[in-house]
Protein backbone atom coordinates (compact mmCIF):
# COMPACT_ATOMS: atom_id res chain seq x y z
CA MET A 1 13.06 97.50 65.85
CA GLY A 2 16.65 98.48 66.33
CA ASP A 3 17.11 98.19 70.09
CA PRO A 4 17.90 94.61 71.21
CA ASP A 5 16.83 95.55 74.74
CA ALA A 6 13.44 96.98 73.74
CA PHE A 7 10.52 95.58 75.73
CA GLU A 8 9.02 93.89 72.66
CA VAL A 9 12.32 92.30 71.63
CA VAL A 10 12.97 90.89 75.09
CA ILE A 11 9.42 89.52 75.38
CA LEU A 12 9.43 87.97 71.90
CA ARG A 13 12.88 86.43 72.43
CA GLN A 14 11.68 84.89 75.70
CA TRP A 15 8.52 83.58 74.00
CA ARG A 16 10.63 82.06 71.23
CA ASP A 17 12.97 80.34 73.69
CA GLU A 18 10.42 79.17 76.26
CA THR A 19 7.34 78.45 74.16
CA LEU A 20 7.97 78.17 70.44
CA MET A 21 11.13 76.10 70.71
CA SER A 22 9.35 73.57 72.93
CA THR A 23 7.09 72.27 70.15
CA GLY A 24 7.68 70.91 66.67
CA LEU A 25 5.34 73.44 65.09
CA GLY A 26 7.00 76.25 67.01
CA ARG A 27 10.47 75.16 65.87
CA LEU A 28 9.19 75.02 62.28
CA PHE A 29 7.84 78.57 62.62
CA VAL A 30 11.17 79.79 63.99
CA ARG A 31 13.06 78.08 61.16
CA TYR A 32 10.87 79.79 58.54
CA TYR A 33 11.11 83.10 60.39
CA TYR A 34 14.91 83.00 60.29
CA ALA A 35 14.89 81.95 56.64
CA TYR A 36 12.67 84.81 55.49
CA SER A 37 13.19 87.58 58.06
CA PRO A 38 16.36 88.99 56.42
CA TYR A 39 14.35 89.72 53.27
CA LEU A 40 11.53 91.27 55.27
CA ALA A 41 13.96 93.32 57.34
CA ASP A 42 15.62 94.62 54.17
CA PHE A 43 12.24 95.60 52.73
CA ILE A 44 11.19 97.28 55.97
CA ALA A 45 14.50 99.17 56.15
CA LYS A 46 13.80 100.58 52.69
CA HIS A 47 10.18 101.45 53.51
CA PRO A 48 9.98 103.17 56.91
CA LEU A 49 6.19 103.52 56.81
CA VAL A 50 5.85 99.76 56.39
CA GLY A 51 8.21 99.28 59.32
CA ALA A 52 6.16 101.60 61.50
CA ALA A 53 2.96 99.79 60.52
CA VAL A 54 4.45 96.34 61.20
CA ARG A 55 5.69 97.47 64.59
CA ARG A 56 2.39 99.06 65.57
CA LEU A 57 0.04 96.43 64.09
CA VAL A 58 2.03 93.22 64.58
CA VAL A 59 5.06 93.45 66.87
CA VAL A 60 3.60 95.44 69.75
CA PRO A 61 0.26 93.57 69.91
CA VAL A 62 1.93 90.15 69.69
CA ALA A 63 4.45 91.08 72.39
CA ARG A 64 1.66 92.27 74.66
CA LEU A 65 -0.38 89.15 73.99
CA VAL A 66 2.42 86.71 74.76
CA SER A 67 3.55 88.63 77.84
CA LYS A 68 0.25 87.96 79.63
């Protein structure tokens, strides 16, 4: 995503802090996310089309969903 102040980043960070971290399952998800996200980020950095697809098909829809 690049910009730490992007709408999606701010929304997802807030969702992590306020919702996910308040449950055991959410904390487990966050733990796995932080364990595996560096590998995914590296792959996405090397494959810009994958990054664009992930942003459009996952990041933006999830951010919009959790912001409601």
